[in-house]
Amino acid sequence: METRPRLTLEDLRAFKRTGKKFSVLTCYDAAIARLMQEAGVEVLLVGDTAAEVVLGLPSTQEISPEFLLTLTAAVRRGAPNAIVMADLPLACRVEGDPNATAQWARRFHVETGSDAVKIEVTGRDARLVEIATHAGIPVVAHLGLLPQRIGPQESYRAQGRDAESAAQLISDARRLEEAGACMLLLEAVAGEVAGEIASRTRLPVIGCVSGPGCDGTVVVLHDLLGLGMGHPPRGSKQYENVAAVLTRVFTSYVEDIHAGRFPTEADVPHMKAGELEKLHAVRGEA
């Protein structure tokens, strides 16, 4: 397959100007990253959702920075020509110290080779975005539903469904654009509000369960492939039941092992002619 030129953030801004939509998928390893790049996926987000879908943890809040740094670098190696977006995990947020948080963002940008770093923010975090941007870190401002800030007894709810909260989201988006954000990601934002934000800003806007008015759309890989637990969440789309395919493959492998059909003599290397006899002689087994 032909190697495509490396995509840049400027390409996404050009897409925005011409009305071209772009695709975003979460990705956690080099092998899948390579396939995504070959398929033409423009943006690969190495999300903190790895906590749940890779590590089996109960929430995204529990993933360690070092683990996510490792995954992000792997995705970059697998997809050198796609846009790779790092995700700043909760453990990197230093309350009251935007400079320290920005230093973490710098690590995720520099050490992994990512093109941008996504940070869950509100308008009150404009200073953090400003500091990071001035340090040369392209920041994707994640607005709307912020999973890192949801308490253990709280549930995920759509954002911007009333006029007051919608106005706040629109105001926050404008404030973060002014602070220097290179992109916006809106999660679980009412479609009307997401469309309004996308139409008012020059920045590319990625929607996560936020409707068709956004410039790009992100879906969690495991939901796309039917590898999640239960039905895909609302606003997602399962394109294939890969879980069923994998189960058939694993079952066939187990059956072949149990029946002695694999491995066969043809599947293994053999000693050179006469060497087995020499081995027996050396060991006194002749």
Protein backbone atom coordinates (compact mmCIF):
# COMPACT_ATOMS: atom_id res chain seq x y z
CA MET A 1 0.00 0.00 0.00
CA GLU A 2 1.20 3.51 -0.85
CA THR A 3 2.66 5.45 2.07
CA ARG A 4 0.70 8.62 2.63
CA PRO A 5 2.42 11.91 3.51
CA ARG A 6 2.60 12.73 7.20
CA LEU A 7 -0.51 14.55 8.37
CA THR A 8 -0.18 17.66 10.51
CA LEU A 9 -2.43 19.80 12.68
CA GLU A 10 -2.43 22.34 9.86
CA ASP A 11 -4.01 19.68 7.63
CA LEU A 12 -6.90 19.39 10.11
CA ARG A 13 -7.32 23.16 10.07
CA ALA A 14 -7.43 23.01 6.27
CA PHE A 15 -10.09 20.28 6.50
CA LYS A 16 -12.09 22.61 8.74
CA ARG A 17 -11.88 25.45 6.23
CA THR A 18 -13.05 23.26 3.35
CA GLY A 19 -15.71 21.38 5.31
CA LYS A 20 -13.96 18.01 5.08
CA LYS A 21 -14.69 15.72 8.03
CA PHE A 22 -11.94 13.65 9.65
CA SER A 23 -11.84 10.41 11.63
CA VAL A 24 -10.45 9.76 15.10
CA LEU A 25 -10.07 6.39 16.84
CA THR A 26 -8.54 5.40 20.14
CA CYS A 27 -5.45 3.24 19.75
CA TYR A 28 -3.18 1.52 22.25
CA ASP A 29 -0.50 -0.45 20.38
CA ALA A 30 1.82 -0.28 17.37
CA ALA A 31 0.26 -3.13 15.37
CA ILE A 32 -3.23 -1.64 15.37
CA ALA A 33 -1.77 1.83 14.80
CA ARG A 34 -0.14 0.59 11.60
CA LEU A 35 -3.43 -0.81 10.33
CA MET A 36 -5.29 2.39 11.19
CA GLN A 37 -2.74 4.46 9.34
CA GLU A 38 -3.01 2.18 6.29
CA ALA A 39 -6.81 2.51 6.42
CA GLY A 40 -6.58 6.30 6.39
CA VAL A 41 -7.60 7.14 9.95
CA GLU A 42 -6.40 10.71 10.40
CA VAL A 43 -6.07 10.95 14.19
CA LEU A 44 -5.09 8.23 16.69
CA LEU A 45 -5.96 9.08 20.29
CA VAL A 46 -4.02 7.13 22.90
CA GLY A 47 -6.72 7.63 25.48
CA ASP A 48 -6.78 7.02 29.20
CA THR A 49 -9.60 4.60 28.31
CA ALA A 50 -6.69 2.13 28.13
CA ALA A 51 -7.25 1.83 31.88
CA GLU A 52 -10.55 0.08 31.21
CA VAL A 53 -10.11 -1.69 27.87
CA VAL A 54 -6.45 -2.72 28.22
CA LEU A 55 -5.84 -3.03 31.96
CA GLY A 56 -9.35 -3.97 33.09
CA LEU A 57 -9.48 -1.21 35.69
CA PRO A 58 -12.86 0.16 36.78
CA SER A 59 -12.26 3.72 35.55
CA THR A 60 -9.95 5.88 33.48
CA GLN A 61 -8.85 7.67 36.64
CA GLU A 62 -6.56 4.83 37.73
CA ILE A 63 -4.10 4.65 34.85
CA SER A 64 -0.48 5.59 35.57
CA PRO A 65 1.35 8.26 33.57
CA GLU A 66 4.29 5.95 32.83
CA PHE A 67 2.06 3.26 31.34
CA LEU A 68 0.27 5.76 29.12
CA LEU A 69 3.57 7.29 28.04
CA THR A 70 4.72 3.83 26.93
CA LEU A 71 1.53 3.19 24.96
CA THR A 72 1.65 6.59 23.27
CA ALA A 73 5.23 6.07 22.12
CA ALA A 74 4.24 2.64 20.76
CA VAL A 75 1.38 4.11 18.73
CA ARG A 76 3.68 6.78 17.35
CA ARG A 77 6.10 4.09 16.17
CA GLY A 78 3.28 2.16 14.55
CA ALA A 79 1.78 5.17 12.77
CA PRO A 80 4.54 7.64 11.94
CA ASN A 81 2.43 9.49 9.37
CA ALA A 82 -0.88 9.81 11.22
CA ILE A 83 -1.66 12.45 13.82
CA VAL A 84 -1.10 10.94 17.26
CA MET A 85 -2.86 12.58 20.18
CA ALA A 86 -1.63 11.91 23.71
CA ASP A 87 -4.03 12.04 26.66
CA LEU A 88 -2.98 13.59 29.97
CA PRO A 89 -4.19 11.25 32.75
CA LEU A 90 -5.65 12.36 36.07
CA ALA A 91 -2.45 11.51 37.96
CA CYS A 92 -0.67 14.32 36.07
CA ARG A 93 -3.07 17.01 37.24
CA VAL A 94 -1.42 19.05 40.00
CA GLU A 95 -4.20 21.08 41.60
CA GLY A 96 -3.37 24.74 41.93
CA ASP A 97 -0.13 24.39 39.98
CA PRO A 98 -0.67 24.76 36.22
CA ASN A 99 3.08 24.95 35.66
CA ALA A 100 3.61 21.48 37.13
CA THR A 101 0.71 20.10 35.09
CA ALA A 102 2.14 21.70 31.96
CA GLN A 103 5.45 19.97 32.66
CA TRP A 104 3.64 16.63 32.54
CA ALA A 105 2.00 17.68 29.27
CA ARG A 106 5.45 18.47 27.93
CA ARG A 107 6.62 14.93 28.75
CA PHE A 108 3.66 13.45 26.90
CA HIS A 109 4.45 15.62 23.88
CA VAL A 110 8.24 15.35 23.76
CA GLU A 111 8.93 11.82 25.03
CA THR A 112 6.29 10.14 22.88
CA GLY A 113 6.59 12.18 19.70
CA SER A 114 2.87 12.95 19.79
CA ASP A 115 1.43 15.79 17.74
CA ALA A 116 -0.80 17.15 20.51
CA VAL A 117 -1.84 16.49 24.10
CA LYS A 118 -5.49 16.27 25.15
CA ILE A 119 -6.33 17.72 28.56
CA GLU A 120 -9.72 17.64 30.30
CA VAL A 121 -10.48 21.28 31.12
CA THR A 122 -13.08 23.95 31.75
CA GLY A 123 -12.80 27.67 31.17
CA ARG A 124 -11.18 27.96 34.59
CA ASP A 125 -8.18 26.06 33.21
CA ALA A 126 -7.37 28.68 30.59
CA ARG A 127 -4.13 29.53 32.37
CA LEU A 128 -2.93 25.92 32.09
CA VAL A 129 -3.66 25.89 28.36
CA GLU A 130 -1.87 29.22 28.02
CA ILE A 131 1.24 28.02 29.85
CA ALA A 132 1.41 24.76 27.89
CA THR A 133 0.87 26.51 24.55
CA HIS A 134 3.58 29.07 25.28
CA ALA A 135 5.90 26.15 26.05
CA GLY A 136 5.30 24.78 22.54
CA ILE A 137 2.83 22.06 23.50
CA PRO A 138 -0.21 21.81 21.19
CA VAL A 139 -3.18 21.37 23.55
CA VAL A 140 -6.49 19.76 22.67
CA ALA A 141 -9.03 21.17 25.12
CA HIS A 142 -11.46 18.42 26.20
CA LEU A 143 -14.78 19.99 27.24
CA GLY A 144 -18.22 18.74 28.24
CA LEU A 145 -18.29 15.44 30.09
CA LEU A 146 -15.01 15.11 31.97
CA PRO A 147 -14.58 11.49 33.16
CA GLN A 148 -11.51 12.39 35.24
CA ARG A 149 -13.67 14.63 37.44
CA ILE A 150 -16.58 12.27 38.01
CA GLY A 151 -16.85 10.94 41.56
CA PRO A 152 -17.33 7.24 42.36
CA GLN A 153 -21.04 7.72 43.06
CA GLU A 154 -21.71 9.93 40.05
CA SER A 155 -22.92 8.80 36.63
CA TYR A 156 -22.08 10.00 33.14
CA ARG A 157 -24.58 12.60 31.92
CA ALA A 158 -24.93 14.60 28.73
CA GLN A 159 -23.77 18.20 29.00
CA GLY A 160 -25.29 21.45 27.73
CA ARG A 161 -28.89 20.30 27.69
CA ASP A 162 -30.21 23.54 29.21
CA ALA A 163 -29.58 27.13 28.13
CA GLU A 164 -27.42 28.05 31.11
CA SER A 165 -24.98 25.13 30.84
CA ALA A 166 -24.95 25.47 27.05
CA ALA A 167 -23.96 29.13 27.31
CA GLN A 168 -21.19 28.17 29.75
CA LEU A 169 -19.79 25.57 27.35
CA ILE A 170 -19.81 28.05 24.47
CA SER A 171 -18.06 30.61 26.69
CA ASP A 172 -15.49 28.05 27.87
CA ALA A 173 -14.73 27.00 24.30
CA ARG A 174 -14.10 30.61 23.31
CA ARG A 175 -11.93 31.21 26.36
CA LEU A 176 -9.79 28.13 25.70
CA GLU A 177 -9.39 29.04 22.04
CA GLU A 178 -8.13 32.45 23.14
CA ALA A 179 -5.75 30.72 25.56
CA GLY A 180 -4.13 28.94 22.61
CA ALA A 181 -5.79 25.52 22.31
CA CYS A 182 -5.09 23.93 18.92
CA MET A 183 -8.27 21.85 18.89
CA LEU A 184 -11.40 21.15 20.92
CA LEU A 185 -12.87 17.78 21.89
CA LEU A 186 -16.48 17.80 23.04
CA GLU A 187 -17.69 14.75 24.96
CA ALA A 188 -21.39 14.03 25.44
CA VAL A 189 -22.37 17.59 24.57
CA ALA A 190 -25.87 18.26 23.24
CA GLY A 191 -25.74 18.20 19.45
CA GLU A 192 -27.13 21.71 19.06
CA VAL A 193 -24.47 23.12 21.38
CA ALA A 194 -21.64 21.15 19.78
CA GLY A 195 -22.72 22.38 16.36
CA GLU A 196 -22.87 25.95 17.65
CA ILE A 197 -19.36 25.73 19.08
CA ALA A 198 -17.99 24.17 15.88
CA SER A 199 -19.54 26.90 13.75
CA ARG A 200 -18.17 29.71 15.95
CA THR A 201 -14.54 28.60 16.19
CA ARG A 202 -11.71 28.35 13.68
CA LEU A 203 -10.37 25.35 15.59
CA PRO A 204 -11.10 21.79 14.46
CA VAL A 205 -13.71 20.31 16.81
CA ILE A 206 -13.80 16.58 17.58
CA GLY A 207 -17.07 15.16 18.83
CA CYS A 208 -17.42 12.21 21.16
CA VAL A 209 -21.13 11.39 21.27
CA SER A 210 -21.76 15.03 20.35
CA GLY A 211 -23.43 14.81 16.97
CA PRO A 212 -22.64 15.38 13.30
CA GLY A 213 -22.02 19.11 13.64
CA CYS A 214 -18.43 18.53 14.75
CA ASP A 215 -15.52 18.47 12.31
CA GLY A 216 -14.27 15.06 13.42
CA THR A 217 -15.63 12.13 15.42
CA VAL A 218 -13.89 9.85 17.88
CA VAL A 219 -14.97 6.34 18.84
CA VAL A 220 -13.33 3.94 21.29
CA LEU A 221 -11.69 1.15 19.28
CA HIS A 222 -13.18 -1.65 21.37
CA ASP A 223 -16.72 -0.31 20.82
CA LEU A 224 -16.11 -0.10 17.06
CA LEU A 225 -14.98 -3.74 16.97
CA GLY A 226 -17.51 -5.20 19.37
CA LEU A 227 -14.84 -5.95 21.95
CA GLY A 228 -16.46 -3.97 24.75
CA MET A 229 -18.58 -5.38 27.53
CA GLY A 230 -22.25 -5.46 26.49
CA HIS A 231 -23.76 -3.14 23.90
CA PRO A 232 -21.80 -0.21 22.48
CA PRO A 233 -22.61 3.03 24.33
CA ARG A 234 -25.11 5.43 22.84
CA GLY A 235 -23.55 7.51 20.08
CA SER A 236 -20.99 4.85 19.23
CA LYS A 237 -21.20 2.34 16.38
CA GLN A 238 -20.14 -1.28 16.16
CA TYR A 239 -18.89 -2.05 12.65
CA GLU A 240 -17.97 -5.68 13.23
CA ASN A 241 -18.31 -8.33 15.92
CA VAL A 242 -14.59 -9.00 16.15
CA ALA A 243 -15.13 -10.68 19.52
CA ALA A 244 -16.97 -13.51 17.77
CA VAL A 245 -14.21 -13.84 15.16
CA LEU A 246 -11.50 -13.98 17.82
CA THR A 247 -13.44 -16.50 19.88
CA ARG A 248 -13.70 -18.79 16.84
CA VAL A 249 -9.97 -18.47 16.20
CA PHE A 250 -9.07 -19.20 19.83
CA THR A 251 -11.47 -22.15 19.91
CA SER A 252 -9.93 -23.62 16.74
CA TYR A 253 -6.46 -23.28 18.24
CA VAL A 254 -7.48 -25.04 21.46
CA GLU A 255 -9.13 -27.85 19.50
CA ASP A 256 -6.03 -28.33 17.32
CA ILE A 257 -3.78 -28.53 20.39
CA HIS A 258 -6.06 -31.00 22.15
CA ALA A 259 -6.38 -33.17 19.03
CA GLY A 260 -2.66 -33.13 18.26
CA ARG A 261 -3.18 -31.43 14.89
CA PHE A 262 -0.75 -28.62 15.76
CA PRO A 263 2.18 -28.41 15.82
CA THR A 264 3.16 -31.02 13.21
CA GLU A 265 6.58 -32.24 12.13
CA ALA A 266 6.39 -29.81 9.23
CA ASP A 267 6.00 -26.87 11.64
CA VAL A 268 9.32 -27.28 13.47
CA PRO A 269 13.04 -27.14 12.58
CA HIS A 270 15.01 -30.41 12.55
CA MET A 271 18.62 -31.35 13.24
CA LYS A 272 21.02 -31.83 10.36
CA ALA A 273 21.37 -35.35 9.00
CA GLY A 274 23.47 -37.54 11.29
CA GLU A 275 23.56 -35.01 14.14
CA LEU A 276 21.01 -36.83 16.28
CA GLU A 277 23.19 -39.97 16.22
CA LYS A 278 26.22 -37.90 17.23
CA LEU A 279 24.28 -36.43 20.13
CA HIS A 280 23.30 -39.89 21.34
CA ALA A 281 26.92 -41.06 21.05
CA VAL A 282 28.19 -38.11 23.06
CA ARG A 283 25.66 -38.86 25.76
CA GLY A 284 26.52 -42.56 25.75
CA GLU A 285 23.12 -43.56 24.45
CA ALA A 286 24.27 -45.34 21.29
